[in-house]
Amino acid sequence: MSASALTLTNVAAGHDGHVSVSDVTLSVPAGAKVAVIGPNGAGKSTLLKTIAGELPAMTGQLRRCETCARMGYLPQTATVDTRFPISVYEFVAMGEWGRLGLFGRLRPAMRQRIDQALERTGLSAMARRPIGVLSGGQLQRARFARLMLQDAALLLLDEPFAGVDRPTRDALMTLIDAWHDEGRTCLVVLHDVELVRQRFEWCLSVDDGHAQLTPTAELLTLRPTPVGDAPARHAFLRDALHPA
């Protein structure tokens, strides 16, 4: 993985005049599976929104490779109004809008992709049900199915396992693993350090206004800061990986 999917140079991310993360310079290898980690309020979501183009970079440059122009973004909070009278099938089919356009008709190949996405997320039996009857975990599966249809080379997922049960988390993690196996670049905001340890080769650590990309194996060698030293950056991760 020598080529870079994503390069940030002296990027500052924030909103409403407030800088959350600054001086971010890093290069994400193409096809990498990256856990975005850090304490609450550190700026993880803000940085991801900036990479996704939801927020403009306050300073610096952000470049995606030509292939990674096909980008899929799963925000932390679902934007769908579950009271809206659409079926699970119709909700997932929105992932084809990039090819379809607003008034286009679904072609047989598109319907096949929708059926496959529903099957891979375990929602085939619920395809014709209203979106409003889904549980939180089922709705997250539907959001993954819709994202799958975008066929993106770069996938940005903000806390995709928040509020879901363990079986759903495991099923969704299997999908992320499959995307990685297909050569897609995945950035995933997570809080479960043990999951990071087991399943992610890279960590993008966001803490104390800074961000750093490091192989997970290197982070596992962190040692507690000696008494008397200034607080170490990424102390939250050091403490999680080396509990007392």
C-alpha atoms as a PDB file:
ATOM      1  CA  MET A   1       0.000   0.000   0.000  1.00  0.00           C
ATOM      2  CA  SER A   2       2.483   2.615  -1.156  1.00  0.00           C
ATOM      3  CA  ALA A   3       0.019   4.967  -2.860  1.00  0.00           C
ATOM      4  CA  SER A   4      -1.897   7.482  -0.770  1.00  0.00           C
ATOM      5  CA  ALA A   5      -5.678   7.585  -0.769  1.00  0.00           C
ATOM      6  CA  LEU A   6      -5.824  10.759   1.278  1.00  0.00           C
ATOM      7  CA  THR A   7      -3.247  13.450   2.079  1.00  0.00           C
ATOM      8  CA  LEU A   8      -3.647  16.283   4.586  1.00  0.00           C
ATOM      9  CA  THR A   9      -1.074  19.074   4.737  1.00  0.00           C
ATOM     10  CA  ASN A  10      -1.168  21.584   7.615  1.00  0.00           C
ATOM     11  CA  VAL A  11      -4.938  21.170   7.877  1.00  0.00           C
ATOM     12  CA  ALA A  12      -6.916  22.870  10.633  1.00  0.00           C
ATOM     13  CA  ALA A  13     -10.466  21.622  11.208  1.00  0.00           C
ATOM     14  CA  GLY A  14     -13.215  23.337  13.138  1.00  0.00           C
ATOM     15  CA  HIS A  15     -16.401  25.342  12.787  1.00  0.00           C
ATOM     16  CA  ASP A  16     -17.941  28.631  13.869  1.00  0.00           C
ATOM     17  CA  GLY A  17     -14.466  30.110  14.238  1.00  0.00           C
ATOM     18  CA  HIS A  18     -13.379  27.451  16.748  1.00  0.00           C
ATOM     19  CA  VAL A  19     -10.388  25.285  15.810  1.00  0.00           C
ATOM     20  CA  SER A  20     -10.752  21.686  17.034  1.00  0.00           C
ATOM     21  CA  VAL A  21      -7.684  20.139  15.398  1.00  0.00           C
ATOM     22  CA  SER A  22      -4.753  21.980  13.838  1.00  0.00           C
ATOM     23  CA  ASP A  23      -1.512  21.379  11.914  1.00  0.00           C
ATOM     24  CA  VAL A  24      -2.647  17.970  10.665  1.00  0.00           C
ATOM     25  CA  THR A  25      -0.141  16.574   8.178  1.00  0.00           C
ATOM     26  CA  LEU A  26      -0.500  12.916   7.271  1.00  0.00           C
ATOM     27  CA  SER A  27      -0.980  10.514   4.400  1.00  0.00           C
ATOM     28  CA  VAL A  28      -3.414   7.581   4.540  1.00  0.00           C
ATOM     29  CA  PRO A  29      -2.265   4.596   2.441  1.00  0.00           C
ATOM     30  CA  ALA A  30      -4.695   3.412  -0.209  1.00  0.00           C
ATOM     31  CA  GLY A  31      -6.639   0.405   1.018  1.00  0.00           C
ATOM     32  CA  ALA A  32      -5.862   1.042   4.698  1.00  0.00           C
ATOM     33  CA  LYS A  33      -8.332   0.260   7.470  1.00  0.00           C
ATOM     34  CA  VAL A  34      -7.975   3.108   9.967  1.00  0.00           C
ATOM     35  CA  ALA A  35      -9.547   3.517  13.403  1.00  0.00           C
ATOM     36  CA  VAL A  36     -10.091   7.169  14.305  1.00  0.00           C
ATOM     37  CA  ILE A  37      -9.711   7.315  18.072  1.00  0.00           C
ATOM     38  CA  GLY A  38      -9.571   9.888  20.841  1.00  0.00           C
ATOM     39  CA  PRO A  39     -11.404  11.187  23.889  1.00  0.00           C
ATOM     40  CA  ASN A  40     -14.880  12.686  23.648  1.00  0.00           C
ATOM     41  CA  GLY A  41     -14.836  16.208  22.277  1.00  0.00           C
ATOM     42  CA  ALA A  42     -11.339  15.897  20.811  1.00  0.00           C
ATOM     43  CA  GLY A  43     -12.509  16.726  17.280  1.00  0.00           C
ATOM     44  CA  LYS A  44     -12.798  13.295  15.652  1.00  0.00           C
ATOM     45  CA  SER A  45     -16.171  13.992  14.040  1.00  0.00           C
ATOM     46  CA  THR A  46     -15.072  17.474  12.999  1.00  0.00           C
ATOM     47  CA  LEU A  47     -11.988  16.089  11.276  1.00  0.00           C
ATOM     48  CA  LEU A  48     -14.047  13.405   9.534  1.00  0.00           C
ATOM     49  CA  LYS A  49     -16.593  15.986   8.358  1.00  0.00           C
ATOM     50  CA  THR A  50     -13.734  18.054   6.957  1.00  0.00           C
ATOM     51  CA  ILE A  51     -12.337  15.075   5.068  1.00  0.00           C
ATOM     52  CA  ALA A  52     -15.855  14.338   3.781  1.00  0.00           C
ATOM     53  CA  GLY A  53     -16.279  17.932   2.587  1.00  0.00           C
ATOM     54  CA  GLU A  54     -19.138  18.627   4.999  1.00  0.00           C
ATOM     55  CA  LEU A  55     -16.967  21.328   6.571  1.00  0.00           C
ATOM     56  CA  PRO A  56     -14.320  23.374   4.747  1.00  0.00           C
ATOM     57  CA  ALA A  57     -10.749  23.082   6.007  1.00  0.00           C
ATOM     58  CA  MET A  58      -9.935  26.241   7.967  1.00  0.00           C
ATOM     59  CA  THR A  59      -6.333  26.151   6.739  1.00  0.00           C
ATOM     60  CA  GLY A  60      -4.124  23.809   4.755  1.00  0.00           C
ATOM     61  CA  GLN A  61      -4.748  21.424   1.888  1.00  0.00           C
ATOM     62  CA  LEU A  62      -6.651  18.168   1.653  1.00  0.00           C
ATOM     63  CA  ARG A  63      -6.228  15.938  -1.377  1.00  0.00           C
ATOM     64  CA  ARG A  64      -7.880  12.663  -2.299  1.00  0.00           C
ATOM     65  CA  CYS A  65      -6.524  10.370  -5.007  1.00  0.00           C
ATOM     66  CA  GLU A  66      -8.497  10.215  -8.245  1.00  0.00           C
ATOM     67  CA  THR A  67     -10.077   6.876  -7.341  1.00  0.00           C
ATOM     68  CA  CYS A  68     -11.027   8.144  -3.873  1.00  0.00           C
ATOM     69  CA  ALA A  69     -13.130  10.878  -5.413  1.00  0.00           C
ATOM     70  CA  ARG A  70     -15.773   8.130  -5.087  1.00  0.00           C
ATOM     71  CA  MET A  71     -16.345   8.690  -1.396  1.00  0.00           C
ATOM     72  CA  GLY A  72     -19.026   7.430   0.965  1.00  0.00           C
ATOM     73  CA  TYR A  73     -19.751   9.153   4.276  1.00  0.00           C
ATOM     74  CA  LEU A  74     -21.843   7.740   7.118  1.00  0.00           C
ATOM     75  CA  PRO A  75     -22.447  10.526   9.668  1.00  0.00           C
ATOM     76  CA  GLN A  76     -22.833   9.758  13.345  1.00  0.00           C
ATOM     77  CA  THR A  77     -26.537  10.563  13.412  1.00  0.00           C
ATOM     78  CA  ALA A  78     -29.041   9.194  10.916  1.00  0.00           C
ATOM     79  CA  THR A  79     -30.622  12.037   8.953  1.00  0.00           C
ATOM     80  CA  VAL A  80     -33.668  10.021   7.886  1.00  0.00           C
ATOM     81  CA  ASP A  81     -37.068  10.901   9.312  1.00  0.00           C
ATOM     82  CA  THR A  82     -38.401   7.437  10.167  1.00  0.00           C
ATOM     83  CA  ARG A  83     -41.957   8.829  10.061  1.00  0.00           C
ATOM     84  CA  PHE A  84     -41.588   9.374   6.318  1.00  0.00           C
ATOM     85  CA  PRO A  85     -43.671   6.749   4.465  1.00  0.00           C
ATOM     86  CA  ILE A  86     -40.993   4.857   2.555  1.00  0.00           C
ATOM     87  CA  SER A  87     -40.036   1.203   2.682  1.00  0.00           C
ATOM     88  CA  VAL A  88     -36.695  -0.221   3.708  1.00  0.00           C
ATOM     89  CA  TYR A  89     -36.136  -1.104   0.038  1.00  0.00           C
ATOM     90  CA  GLU A  90     -36.760   2.491  -1.060  1.00  0.00           C
ATOM     91  CA  PHE A  91     -34.493   3.837   1.675  1.00  0.00           C
ATOM     92  CA  VAL A  92     -31.630   1.579   0.636  1.00  0.00           C
ATOM     93  CA  ALA A  93     -32.248   2.324  -3.058  1.00  0.00           C
ATOM     94  CA  MET A  94     -31.318   5.961  -2.377  1.00  0.00           C
ATOM     95  CA  GLY A  95     -27.728   4.746  -2.574  1.00  0.00           C
ATOM     96  CA  GLU A  96     -28.210   4.463  -6.351  1.00  0.00           C
ATOM     97  CA  TRP A  97     -29.119   8.133  -6.782  1.00  0.00           C
ATOM     98  CA  GLY A  98     -25.622   8.998  -7.942  1.00  0.00           C
ATOM     99  CA  ARG A  99     -26.160   6.813 -11.013  1.00  0.00           C
ATOM    100  CA  LEU A 100     -29.903   7.228 -11.272  1.00  0.00           C
ATOM    101  CA  GLY A 101     -30.588  10.931 -10.928  1.00  0.00           C
ATOM    102  CA  LEU A 102     -33.698  12.364  -9.325  1.00  0.00           C
ATOM    103  CA  PHE A 103     -36.227  11.163 -11.910  1.00  0.00           C
ATOM    104  CA  GLY A 104     -34.510   8.071 -13.329  1.00  0.00           C
ATOM    105  CA  ARG A 105     -35.929   4.556 -13.176  1.00  0.00           C
ATOM    106  CA  LEU A 106     -34.223   1.636 -11.473  1.00  0.00           C
ATOM    107  CA  ARG A 107     -32.697  -0.690 -14.035  1.00  0.00           C
ATOM    108  CA  PRO A 108     -32.473  -4.472 -13.508  1.00  0.00           C
ATOM    109  CA  ALA A 109     -28.761  -4.283 -12.613  1.00  0.00           C
ATOM    110  CA  MET A 110     -29.541  -1.661  -9.973  1.00  0.00           C
ATOM    111  CA  ARG A 111     -32.328  -3.769  -8.485  1.00  0.00           C
ATOM    112  CA  GLN A 112     -29.927  -6.693  -8.308  1.00  0.00           C
ATOM    113  CA  ARG A 113     -27.387  -4.574  -6.410  1.00  0.00           C
ATOM    114  CA  ILE A 114     -30.117  -3.412  -4.003  1.00  0.00           C
ATOM    115  CA  ASP A 115     -31.199  -6.996  -3.374  1.00  0.00           C
ATOM    116  CA  GLN A 116     -27.593  -8.009  -2.734  1.00  0.00           C
ATOM    117  CA  ALA A 117     -27.061  -5.126  -0.300  1.00  0.00           C
ATOM    118  CA  LEU A 118     -30.208  -6.074   1.614  1.00  0.00           C
ATOM    119  CA  GLU A 119     -29.065  -9.687   1.751  1.00  0.00           C
ATOM    120  CA  ARG A 120     -25.556  -8.821   2.955  1.00  0.00           C
ATOM    121  CA  THR A 121     -26.973  -6.686   5.764  1.00  0.00           C
ATOM    122  CA  GLY A 122     -29.603  -9.245   6.782  1.00  0.00           C
ATOM    123  CA  LEU A 123     -32.589  -7.113   5.787  1.00  0.00           C
ATOM    124  CA  SER A 124     -34.062  -9.048   2.856  1.00  0.00           C
ATOM    125  CA  ALA A 125     -37.080 -10.169   4.863  1.00  0.00           C
ATOM    126  CA  MET A 126     -37.843  -6.567   5.866  1.00  0.00           C
ATOM    127  CA  ALA A 127     -37.411  -4.977   2.448  1.00  0.00           C
ATOM    128  CA  ARG A 128     -41.095  -4.035   2.016  1.00  0.00           C
ATOM    129  CA  ARG A 129     -41.690  -2.890   5.573  1.00  0.00           C
ATOM    130  CA  PRO A 130     -41.886   0.821   6.470  1.00  0.00           C
ATOM    131  CA  ILE A 131     -38.570   2.300   7.536  1.00  0.00           C
ATOM    132  CA  GLY A 132     -40.233   3.447  10.761  1.00  0.00           C
ATOM    133  CA  VAL A 133     -40.620  -0.079  12.143  1.00  0.00           C
ATOM    134  CA  LEU A 134     -36.876  -0.748  12.213  1.00  0.00           C
ATOM    135  CA  SER A 135     -34.993  -0.932  15.476  1.00  0.00           C
ATOM    136  CA  GLY A 136     -31.874   1.186  15.935  1.00  0.00           C
ATOM    137  CA  GLY A 137     -29.626  -1.697  14.916  1.00  0.00           C
ATOM    138  CA  GLN A 138     -31.747  -2.528  11.877  1.00  0.00           C
ATOM    139  CA  LEU A 139     -31.726   1.104  10.767  1.00  0.00           C
ATOM    140  CA  GLN A 140     -27.931   1.119  10.998  1.00  0.00           C
ATOM    141  CA  ARG A 141     -27.845  -2.011   8.844  1.00  0.00           C
ATOM    142  CA  ALA A 142     -30.042  -0.191   6.300  1.00  0.00           C
ATOM    143  CA  ARG A 143     -27.662   2.788   6.335  1.00  0.00           C
ATOM    144  CA  PHE A 144     -24.766   0.394   5.642  1.00  0.00           C
ATOM    145  CA  ALA A 145     -26.724  -1.185   2.783  1.00  0.00           C
ATOM    146  CA  ARG A 146     -27.369   2.241   1.259  1.00  0.00           C
ATOM    147  CA  LEU A 147     -23.685   3.145   1.638  1.00  0.00           C
ATOM    148  CA  MET A 148     -22.712  -0.135  -0.023  1.00  0.00           C
ATOM    149  CA  LEU A 149     -24.549   0.862  -3.202  1.00  0.00           C
ATOM    150  CA  GLN A 150     -22.403   3.969  -3.611  1.00  0.00           C
ATOM    151  CA  ASP A 151     -19.447   1.720  -4.521  1.00  0.00           C
ATOM    152  CA  ALA A 152     -17.048   4.200  -2.893  1.00  0.00           C
ATOM    153  CA  ALA A 153     -13.277   3.717  -2.820  1.00  0.00           C
ATOM    154  CA  LEU A 154     -12.995   5.853   0.346  1.00  0.00           C
ATOM    155  CA  LEU A 155     -15.420   5.163   3.215  1.00  0.00           C
ATOM    156  CA  LEU A 156     -15.783   7.473   6.224  1.00  0.00           C
ATOM    157  CA  LEU A 157     -17.861   6.101   9.119  1.00  0.00           C
ATOM    158  CA  ASP A 158     -18.502   8.150  12.246  1.00  0.00           C
ATOM    159  CA  GLU A 159     -19.218   5.916  15.265  1.00  0.00           C
ATOM    160  CA  PRO A 160     -21.097   3.309  13.217  1.00  0.00           C
ATOM    161  CA  PHE A 161     -21.534   1.001  16.222  1.00  0.00           C
ATOM    162  CA  ALA A 162     -23.045   3.533  18.620  1.00  0.00           C
ATOM    163  CA  GLY A 163     -26.270   2.235  20.143  1.00  0.00           C
ATOM    164  CA  VAL A 164     -26.246  -1.178  18.440  1.00  0.00           C
ATOM    165  CA  ASP A 165     -26.070  -4.605  20.075  1.00  0.00           C
ATOM    166  CA  ARG A 166     -23.090  -6.953  19.841  1.00  0.00           C
ATOM    167  CA  PRO A 167     -24.474  -9.170  17.012  1.00  0.00           C
ATOM    168  CA  THR A 168     -25.179  -6.075  14.904  1.00  0.00           C
ATOM    169  CA  ARG A 169     -21.744  -4.656  15.668  1.00  0.00           C
ATOM    170  CA  ASP A 170     -20.100  -7.908  14.629  1.00  0.00           C
ATOM    171  CA  ALA A 171     -22.138  -8.078  11.412  1.00  0.00           C
ATOM    172  CA  LEU A 172     -21.291  -4.478  10.479  1.00  0.00           C
ATOM    173  CA  MET A 173     -17.623  -4.991  11.332  1.00  0.00           C
ATOM    174  CA  THR A 174     -17.611  -7.970   8.976  1.00  0.00           C
ATOM    175  CA  LEU A 175     -18.839  -5.653   6.209  1.00  0.00           C
ATOM    176  CA  ILE A 176     -16.028  -3.182   6.955  1.00  0.00           C
ATOM    177  CA  ASP A 177     -13.537  -6.056   6.822  1.00  0.00           C
ATOM    178  CA  ALA A 178     -14.977  -7.070   3.441  1.00  0.00           C
ATOM    179  CA  TRP A 179     -14.630  -3.504   2.098  1.00  0.00           C
ATOM    180  CA  HIS A 180     -11.023  -3.511   3.244  1.00  0.00           C
ATOM    181  CA  ASP A 181     -10.427  -6.870   1.534  1.00  0.00           C
ATOM    182  CA  GLU A 182     -11.791  -5.341  -1.673  1.00  0.00           C
ATOM    183  CA  GLY A 183      -9.077  -2.664  -1.502  1.00  0.00           C
ATOM    184  CA  ARG A 184     -11.260   0.184  -0.244  1.00  0.00           C
ATOM    185  CA  THR A 185      -9.871   2.723   2.220  1.00  0.00           C
ATOM    186  CA  CYS A 186     -11.876   2.849   5.459  1.00  0.00           C
ATOM    187  CA  LEU A 187     -11.717   5.469   8.225  1.00  0.00           C
ATOM    188  CA  VAL A 188     -13.898   4.507  11.195  1.00  0.00           C
ATOM    189  CA  VAL A 189     -14.454   6.528  14.380  1.00  0.00           C
ATOM    190  CA  LEU A 190     -14.429   4.123  17.327  1.00  0.00           C
ATOM    191  CA  HIS A 191     -14.285   4.035  21.122  1.00  0.00           C
ATOM    192  CA  ASP A 192     -13.701   0.306  21.614  1.00  0.00           C
ATOM    193  CA  VAL A 193      -9.924   0.044  22.017  1.00  0.00           C
ATOM    194  CA  GLU A 194      -9.994  -3.758  22.116  1.00  0.00           C
ATOM    195  CA  LEU A 195     -11.771  -3.808  18.748  1.00  0.00           C
ATOM    196  CA  VAL A 196      -9.114  -1.423  17.419  1.00  0.00           C
ATOM    197  CA  ARG A 197      -6.400  -3.718  18.740  1.00  0.00           C
ATOM    198  CA  GLN A 198      -7.893  -6.788  17.059  1.00  0.00           C
ATOM    199  CA  ARG A 199      -9.199  -5.512  13.726  1.00  0.00           C
ATOM    200  CA  PHE A 200      -7.476  -2.278  12.634  1.00  0.00           C
ATOM    201  CA  GLU A 201      -3.970  -1.947  11.246  1.00  0.00           C
ATOM    202  CA  TRP A 202      -3.772   1.839  11.576  1.00  0.00           C
ATOM    203  CA  CYS A 203      -4.899   4.389  14.151  1.00  0.00           C
ATOM    204  CA  LEU A 204      -5.608   8.063  13.524  1.00  0.00           C
ATOM    205  CA  SER A 205      -5.305   9.435  17.061  1.00  0.00           C
ATOM    206  CA  VAL A 206      -7.022  12.766  17.720  1.00  0.00           C
ATOM    207  CA  ASP A 207      -6.164  14.382  21.035  1.00  0.00           C
ATOM    208  CA  ASP A 208      -5.149  17.726  22.506  1.00  0.00           C
ATOM    209  CA  GLY A 209      -5.846  19.574  19.250  1.00  0.00           C
ATOM    210  CA  HIS A 210      -3.606  17.351  17.140  1.00  0.00           C
ATOM    211  CA  ALA A 211      -3.944  14.256  14.974  1.00  0.00           C
ATOM    212  CA  GLN A 212      -1.407  11.571  14.175  1.00  0.00           C
ATOM    213  CA  LEU A 213      -1.525   8.445  11.985  1.00  0.00           C
ATOM    214  CA  THR A 214       0.316   5.485  13.501  1.00  0.00           C
ATOM    215  CA  PRO A 215       0.364   1.713  12.917  1.00  0.00           C
ATOM    216  CA  THR A 216      -1.716   0.096  15.641  1.00  0.00           C
ATOM    217  CA  ALA A 217       1.139  -2.266  16.514  1.00  0.00           C
ATOM    218  CA  GLU A 218       3.297   0.744  17.433  1.00  0.00           C
ATOM    219  CA  LEU A 219       0.634   2.185  19.698  1.00  0.00           C
ATOM    220  CA  LEU A 220       0.534  -1.109  21.572  1.00  0.00           C
ATOM    221  CA  THR A 221       4.106  -0.440  22.717  1.00  0.00           C
ATOM    222  CA  LEU A 222       3.206   2.801  24.510  1.00  0.00           C
ATOM    223  CA  ARG A 223       4.390   2.977  28.110  1.00  0.00           C
ATOM    224  CA  PRO A 224       3.118   5.159  30.969  1.00  0.00           C
ATOM    225  CA  THR A 225       4.746   8.558  31.259  1.00  0.00           C
ATOM    226  CA  PRO A 226       7.302   8.652  34.104  1.00  0.00           C
ATOM    227  CA  VAL A 227       6.267  10.610  37.183  1.00  0.00           C
ATOM    228  CA  GLY A 228       7.212  14.251  36.870  1.00  0.00           C
ATOM    229  CA  ASP A 229       7.025  14.428  33.093  1.00  0.00           C
ATOM    230  CA  ALA A 230       4.477  16.640  31.387  1.00  0.00           C
ATOM    231  CA  PRO A 231       1.255  14.828  30.421  1.00  0.00           C
ATOM    232  CA  ALA A 232       1.850  12.792  27.274  1.00  0.00           C
ATOM    233  CA  ARG A 233      -0.232  13.289  24.200  1.00  0.00           C
ATOM    234  CA  HIS A 234      -2.520  10.281  23.597  1.00  0.00           C
ATOM    235  CA  ALA A 235      -2.473   9.516  27.335  1.00  0.00           C
ATOM    236  CA  PHE A 236      -6.102   8.364  26.958  1.00  0.00           C
ATOM    237  CA  LEU A 237      -4.940   5.592  24.637  1.00  0.00           C
ATOM    238  CA  ARG A 238      -1.918   4.707  26.723  1.00  0.00           C
ATOM    239  CA  ASP A 239      -4.159   4.217  29.739  1.00  0.00           C
ATOM    240  CA  ALA A 240      -6.667   2.144  27.763  1.00  0.00           C
ATOM    241  CA  LEU A 241      -4.000  -0.122  26.306  1.00  0.00           C
ATOM    242  CA  HIS A 242      -2.109  -0.481  29.580  1.00  0.00           C
ATOM    243  CA  PRO A 243      -4.742  -0.470  32.315  1.00  0.00           C
ATOM    244  CA  ALA A 244      -3.586  -0.337  35.919  1.00  0.00           C
END
